[in-house]
Protein backbone atom coordinates (compact mmCIF):
# COMPACT_ATOMS: atom_id res chain seq x y z
CA MET A 1 -230.31 140.20 217.26
CA ASN A 2 -233.22 138.37 215.63
CA LEU A 3 -236.69 139.41 216.73
CA VAL A 4 -238.55 136.86 218.88
CA ILE A 5 -242.29 136.84 218.27
CA ASP A 6 -245.46 135.05 219.36
CA LYS A 7 -248.02 133.95 216.79
CA GLU A 8 -251.28 132.08 217.11
CA ILE A 9 -252.99 130.14 214.37
CA ILE A 10 -256.41 128.49 214.42
CA ILE A 11 -256.93 125.10 212.80
CA GLU A 12 -260.56 125.23 211.76
CA ASP A 13 -260.83 121.56 210.75
CA SER A 14 -261.16 119.54 213.98
CA HIS A 15 -259.88 116.35 212.28
CA VAL A 16 -256.67 118.15 211.32
CA ALA A 17 -256.30 119.68 214.79
CA ILE A 18 -256.75 116.32 216.51
CA ASN A 19 -254.11 114.70 214.29
CA LEU A 20 -251.62 117.53 214.77
CA MET A 21 -252.02 117.46 218.55
CA GLU A 22 -252.34 113.73 219.18
CA ARG A 23 -250.07 111.91 221.64
CA ASP A 24 -249.73 114.96 223.94
CA SER A 25 -248.79 117.26 221.05
CA HIS A 26 -245.93 114.96 220.05
CA PHE A 27 -245.99 116.22 216.45
CA LEU A 28 -245.95 119.86 217.59
CA HIS A 29 -242.82 119.14 219.65
CA ILE A 30 -241.16 117.61 216.58
CA ILE A 31 -242.01 120.67 214.47
CA GLY A 32 -240.84 123.04 217.22
CA ASN A 33 -237.51 121.23 217.52
CA LEU A 34 -236.98 121.45 213.77
CA TYR A 35 -237.14 125.25 213.87
CA ASN A 36 -236.07 125.95 217.45
CA CYS A 37 -239.51 127.26 218.38
CA ASN A 38 -241.75 126.67 221.38
CA MET A 39 -245.19 125.36 220.43
CA ILE A 40 -248.30 124.93 222.56
CA GLY A 41 -251.55 123.47 221.27
CA ARG A 42 -254.96 123.70 222.93
CA GLY A 43 -258.12 122.69 221.14
CA ASN A 44 -257.91 124.21 217.67
CA LEU A 45 -255.36 126.87 218.68
CA ILE A 46 -251.59 126.61 218.21
CA ARG A 47 -249.28 129.20 219.74
CA ILE A 48 -245.75 129.51 218.32
CA THR A 49 -242.86 131.40 219.96
CA GLY A 50 -239.48 131.87 218.28
CA GLU A 51 -237.42 133.92 215.88
CA GLU A 52 -239.61 135.59 213.28
CA LEU A 53 -238.20 133.76 210.25
CA GLN A 54 -238.42 130.39 212.00
CA VAL A 55 -241.99 131.01 213.13
CA GLU A 56 -242.97 131.73 209.53
CA LYS A 57 -241.38 128.42 208.49
CA VAL A 58 -243.37 126.62 211.19
CA ILE A 59 -246.60 128.16 209.95
CA GLN A 60 -245.82 127.17 206.36
CA LEU A 61 -245.09 123.59 207.44
CA ILE A 62 -248.32 123.37 209.45
CA TYR A 63 -250.33 124.57 206.45
CA GLU A 64 -248.72 121.91 204.25
CA LEU A 65 -249.39 119.20 206.85
CA ARG A 66 -253.00 120.39 207.03
CA TYR A 67 -253.20 120.04 203.24
CA LEU A 68 -252.05 116.41 203.48
CA LEU A 69 -254.26 115.51 206.46
CA LYS A 70 -257.36 116.78 204.67
CA ARG A 71 -256.59 114.25 201.93
CA ASN A 72 -256.18 111.33 204.34
CA ILE A 73 -252.37 111.27 204.09
CA ARG A 74 -250.99 109.65 207.23
CA LEU A 75 -249.03 111.94 209.55
CA SER A 76 -245.85 110.59 211.12
CA GLN A 77 -242.51 111.87 212.31
CA ARG A 78 -240.94 110.71 209.05
CA GLN A 79 -243.65 112.44 207.02
CA ILE A 80 -243.08 115.72 208.89
CA TYR A 81 -239.34 115.56 208.15
CA ALA A 82 -240.05 114.77 204.49
CA VAL A 83 -242.42 117.73 204.06
CA ALA A 84 -240.02 120.09 205.86
CA ASP A 85 -237.20 118.92 203.58
CA ALA A 86 -239.37 119.37 200.48
CA LEU A 87 -240.21 122.93 201.58
CA GLN A 88 -236.54 123.72 202.08
CA GLN A 89 -235.65 122.36 198.64
CA GLY A 90 -238.62 123.93 196.87
CA LYS A 91 -240.10 120.52 195.97
CA ILE A 92 -243.42 120.70 197.80
CA GLU A 93 -245.30 120.33 194.51
CA ALA A 94 -244.42 116.61 194.54
CA PHE A 95 -246.37 116.22 197.77
CA HIS A 96 -249.32 118.06 196.25
CA GLU A 97 -249.32 115.69 193.28
CA MET A 98 -249.24 112.73 195.67
CA ALA A 99 -252.14 114.08 197.73
CA GLU A 100 -254.30 114.65 194.65
CA ASP A 101 -253.70 111.20 193.12
CA VAL A 102 -256.75 108.94 193.52
CA ILE A 103 -255.84 105.29 192.86
CA ASN A 104 -259.26 103.82 193.56
CA VAL A 105 -262.25 104.04 195.89
CA THR A 106 -263.15 101.13 198.16
CA LYS A 107 -266.59 99.56 198.35
CA ASN A 108 -267.34 101.61 201.48
CA GLY A 109 -266.25 104.87 199.84
CA THR A 110 -262.72 105.25 201.21
CA ILE A 111 -260.42 107.03 198.76
CA ILE A 112 -257.14 105.20 198.18
CA ARG A 113 -254.20 107.53 197.60
CA PRO A 114 -250.42 107.07 197.78
CA ARG A 115 -249.32 108.08 201.26
CA THR A 116 -245.60 108.54 200.65
CA LEU A 117 -243.54 109.77 197.71
CA GLY A 118 -242.20 106.24 197.28
CA GLN A 119 -245.75 104.92 196.89
CA LYS A 120 -246.52 107.66 194.35
CA THR A 121 -243.45 106.70 192.30
CA TYR A 122 -244.52 103.03 192.44
CA ILE A 123 -248.07 103.75 191.24
CA ASP A 124 -246.81 105.94 188.39
CA ALA A 125 -244.36 103.21 187.38
CA ILE A 126 -247.18 100.65 187.13
CA ARG A 127 -249.25 103.04 185.04
CA HIS A 128 -246.43 103.74 182.60
CA ASN A 129 -244.75 100.33 182.27
CA SER A 130 -245.74 96.82 181.26
CA ILE A 131 -243.69 95.25 184.06
CA THR A 132 -243.04 96.87 187.43
CA PHE A 133 -241.05 95.47 190.34
CA GLY A 134 -241.79 96.70 193.86
CA VAL A 135 -238.87 95.80 196.12
CA GLY A 136 -238.83 96.64 199.79
CA PRO A 137 -239.83 95.79 203.33
CA ALA A 138 -243.20 94.83 204.75
CA GLY A 139 -245.63 97.61 205.57
CA THR A 140 -244.83 99.80 202.56
CA GLY A 141 -248.14 99.11 200.80
CA LYS A 142 -246.71 97.28 197.78
CA THR A 143 -249.37 94.59 197.66
CA TYR A 144 -252.38 96.68 198.63
CA LEU A 145 -251.66 99.44 196.13
CA ALA A 146 -251.10 96.97 193.30
CA VAL A 147 -254.43 95.30 194.07
CA ALA A 148 -256.23 98.65 194.28
CA LEU A 149 -254.85 99.69 190.89
CA ALA A 150 -255.69 96.29 189.38
CA ALA A 151 -259.30 96.69 190.53
CA TYR A 152 -259.40 100.15 188.93
CA TYR A 153 -258.11 98.78 185.61
CA LEU A 154 -260.70 95.99 185.69
CA ARG A 155 -263.60 98.33 186.48
CA ASN A 156 -262.57 100.65 183.65
CA LYS A 157 -262.22 97.74 181.20
CA GLU A 158 -258.53 98.38 180.63
CA VAL A 159 -257.99 94.69 181.42
CA GLN A 160 -260.37 91.74 181.34
CA ARG A 161 -259.16 89.87 184.41
CA ILE A 162 -256.95 89.96 187.47
CA ILE A 163 -254.57 87.08 188.10
CA LEU A 164 -253.01 86.62 191.53
CA VAL A 165 -249.89 84.50 191.82
CA ARG A 166 -247.60 83.56 194.68
CA PRO A 167 -244.87 80.94 195.07
CA ALA A 168 -245.99 78.46 197.72
CA VAL A 169 -242.48 77.91 199.06
CA GLU A 170 -243.70 76.69 202.42
CA ALA A 171 -245.38 73.79 200.61
CA GLY A 172 -242.61 73.41 198.07
CA GLU A 173 -245.10 74.22 195.26
CA LYS A 174 -246.45 70.70 195.90
CA LEU A 175 -249.96 71.41 197.14
CA GLY A 176 -251.51 68.04 196.39
CA PHE A 177 -251.31 66.87 200.00
CA LEU A 178 -253.46 69.79 201.19
CA PRO A 179 -257.27 69.31 201.40
CA GLY A 180 -259.68 70.93 198.94
CA ASP A 181 -259.53 72.00 195.31
CA MET A 182 -256.72 74.10 193.85
CA GLN A 183 -258.28 77.41 194.88
CA GLU A 184 -258.79 76.23 198.46
CA LYS A 185 -255.19 75.06 198.59
CA VAL A 186 -253.77 78.35 197.30
CA ASN A 187 -256.07 80.82 199.10
CA PRO A 188 -254.12 80.91 202.41
CA TYR A 189 -250.98 81.99 200.54
CA LEU A 190 -252.86 84.80 198.78
CA ARG A 191 -254.68 86.23 201.78
CA PRO A 192 -252.97 89.67 201.60
CA LEU A 193 -254.08 89.99 197.98
CA PHE A 194 -257.62 88.87 198.79
CA ASP A 195 -257.94 91.40 201.60
CA GLY A 196 -257.28 94.25 199.18
CA LEU A 197 -259.75 92.93 196.60
CA LEU A 198 -262.45 92.52 199.23
CA ASP A 199 -261.96 96.18 200.14
CA MET A 200 -262.36 97.19 196.49
CA PHE A 201 -265.29 94.98 195.47
CA GLY A 202 -267.00 93.75 198.63
CA ILE A 203 -267.42 90.04 199.33
CA GLU A 204 -270.47 89.46 197.10
CA GLU A 205 -269.03 90.99 193.93
CA PHE A 206 -265.61 89.49 194.65
CA GLU A 207 -267.06 85.97 194.83
CA LYS A 208 -269.00 86.50 191.58
CA LEU A 209 -265.86 87.66 189.81
CA GLN A 210 -264.00 84.61 191.08
CA GLN A 211 -266.74 82.25 189.91
CA LYS A 212 -266.64 83.80 186.43
CA GLY A 213 -262.84 83.47 186.29
CA ILE A 214 -262.42 87.24 186.06
CA ILE A 215 -260.38 87.08 189.26
CA GLU A 216 -258.10 84.06 189.18
CA VAL A 217 -255.75 82.68 191.80
CA ALA A 218 -253.01 80.23 190.96
CA PRO A 219 -249.72 78.93 192.30
CA LEU A 220 -246.73 80.00 190.28
CA ALA A 221 -246.20 76.51 188.86
CA TYR A 222 -249.57 76.71 187.05
CA MET A 223 -248.37 79.64 184.91
CA ARG A 224 -246.21 77.43 182.72
CA GLY A 225 -247.30 77.27 179.08
CA ARG A 226 -249.81 80.14 179.35
CA THR A 227 -249.96 83.54 177.63
CA LEU A 228 -251.60 86.16 179.82
CA GLU A 229 -253.33 88.71 177.59
CA LYS A 230 -255.50 91.68 178.66
CA ALA A 231 -254.73 90.82 182.27
CA PHE A 232 -253.40 92.57 185.36
CA VAL A 233 -251.08 90.01 186.92
CA ILE A 234 -249.66 90.35 190.43
CA LEU A 235 -246.86 88.11 191.68
CA ASP A 236 -246.39 88.49 195.43
CA GLU A 237 -243.45 87.28 197.54
CA ALA A 238 -241.27 87.17 194.42
CA GLN A 239 -238.10 86.86 196.48
CA ASN A 240 -239.11 83.21 196.94
CA THR A 241 -239.06 82.40 193.23
CA THR A 242 -236.13 80.57 191.73
CA VAL A 243 -234.32 81.98 188.70
CA GLU A 244 -236.12 79.49 186.44
CA GLN A 245 -239.55 80.27 187.92
CA ILE A 246 -239.37 84.04 187.56
CA LYS A 247 -238.06 83.82 183.99
CA MET A 248 -240.91 81.45 183.15
CA PHE A 249 -243.38 83.87 184.76
CA LEU A 250 -242.10 87.01 183.02
CA THR A 251 -242.29 85.36 179.62
CA ARG A 252 -246.06 84.74 180.11
CA LEU A 253 -246.71 88.46 179.41
CA GLY A 254 -249.22 88.97 176.62
CA PHE A 255 -250.60 91.99 174.77
CA ARG A 256 -252.38 94.74 176.76
CA SER A 257 -251.30 93.19 180.05
CA LYS A 258 -249.51 94.51 183.09
CA MET A 259 -247.35 92.59 185.52
CA VAL A 260 -246.50 93.73 189.03
CA ILE A 261 -243.87 91.71 190.85
CA ASN A 262 -243.40 92.45 194.55
CA GLY A 263 -240.89 91.11 197.03
CA ASP A 264 -238.59 91.74 199.97
CA VAL A 265 -235.03 90.49 199.53
CA THR A 266 -234.56 90.31 203.31
CA GLN A 267 -237.26 87.60 203.53
CA ILE A 268 -235.94 84.89 201.21
CA ASP A 269 -237.14 81.41 202.27
CA LEU A 270 -235.50 79.42 199.50
CA PRO A 271 -233.13 76.55 200.29
CA VAL A 272 -229.52 77.47 200.97
CA HIS A 273 -227.47 78.06 197.78
CA THR A 274 -230.64 78.61 195.71
CA LYS A 275 -230.50 82.06 194.13
CA SER A 276 -233.61 84.22 194.35
CA GLY A 277 -235.17 84.93 190.98
CA LEU A 278 -235.95 88.46 192.12
CA VAL A 279 -232.28 89.14 192.82
CA ASP A 280 -231.29 87.62 189.49
CA VAL A 281 -233.63 89.63 187.26
CA ALA A 282 -232.57 92.87 188.95
CA GLU A 283 -229.08 92.14 187.71
CA VAL A 284 -230.03 91.37 184.10
CA LEU A 285 -233.06 93.56 183.25
CA GLN A 286 -231.53 96.95 183.89
CA ASP A 287 -231.76 98.49 180.43
CA ILE A 288 -235.02 97.17 179.03
CA SER A 289 -237.68 99.73 178.14
CA GLY A 290 -241.07 99.02 179.71
CA ILE A 291 -239.59 97.52 182.88
CA GLN A 292 -239.02 99.54 186.05
CA PHE A 293 -237.81 98.66 189.54
CA ILE A 294 -239.07 100.73 192.46
CA HIS A 295 -237.24 100.44 195.78
CA PHE A 296 -239.06 101.15 199.02
CA SER A 297 -237.36 102.05 202.29
CA GLU A 298 -238.40 102.50 205.91
CA ASN A 299 -239.53 105.99 204.90
CA ASP A 300 -242.38 104.38 202.96
CA VAL A 301 -243.69 102.26 205.83
CA VAL A 302 -247.31 103.18 206.51
CA ARG A 303 -247.72 101.05 209.61
CA HIS A 304 -246.65 102.07 213.13
CA ASP A 305 -243.45 104.14 213.35
CA LEU A 306 -241.88 101.24 215.26
CA VAL A 307 -242.08 99.11 212.12
CA ALA A 308 -239.83 101.61 210.33
CA ALA A 309 -237.46 101.62 213.30
CA ILE A 310 -237.28 97.81 213.26
CA ILE A 311 -236.57 97.75 209.52
CA ARG A 312 -233.83 100.32 209.97
CA ALA A 313 -232.33 98.35 212.89
CA VAL A 314 -232.03 95.11 210.94
CA SER A 315 -229.97 96.95 208.29
CA TYR A 316 -232.17 96.47 205.28
CA THR A 317 -230.06 98.94 203.29
CA HIS A 318 -227.12 96.62 202.71
CA LEU A 319 -229.38 94.24 200.80
CA THR A 320 -230.96 96.72 198.39
CA LEU A 321 -230.93 95.94 194.69
CA PRO A 322 -229.54 98.19 191.95
CA THR A 323 -231.90 100.99 190.98
CA ILE A 324 -233.28 100.86 187.46
CA ALA A 325 -234.41 104.16 185.97
């Protein structure tokens, strides 16, 4: 018969303790159920009752979760399962690498790190490739992380400008009927990209960079005929490009540039019988060095857990694209 023991551990960091015990100790109940242990949390004290080996596993998991929380990695039910699985498979080092990776620091001093292993893989792909595709559902951080990394490259003079592009499908790429100059017409479609840049630079510096043309916004149609050199180019909502548009865009790549193309193949707004350019290139660019596709899942959602549940419920998986190594 296995020995049943009681153990108490003290979480000295109050921020970590609050996160572990939030929502009426919901996370402690999840951990206890994983290892068939009873867990009670009060203040900074956690009491664990169960078989000796299982209690030791609980303590190890809590220490790893504490490690992540101290580095501003979001705690969720899915994250707990992922860390427990990594411990079981001896792959916890991957989580440590994720937690130590600093992508950028916002204007107000917030450190931006990948918060899931999928995000870490995405960031590394951008660093190591000229063209990176981020394919997956909303809430996985594709756009924000790309913008944060673009700002880092610009600050460190690895590129000379940031170019933000999005297909204005809702306006049929025909923006002439909208009021204002080109930038005013396109800005509403690029709001998610702007939000990230405002976090990185602050509004005053952001506006100066725009005025100097160092940060440029343009509808996809305006890319034709250009060569984009020494630039970090982000194409958002790429699922709404046609085959012709995305091929035109990809061939704009110049020397010392990076392209990040993001999209969600479950959110295609193109006319019926019009093939998505994002779907097309995934079928034809599988073996080209310098290009990598990263696929996000509900496990990478960094919004409310319900968002992941919704994505899972609408069966995103049957629409995933082929993985490219």
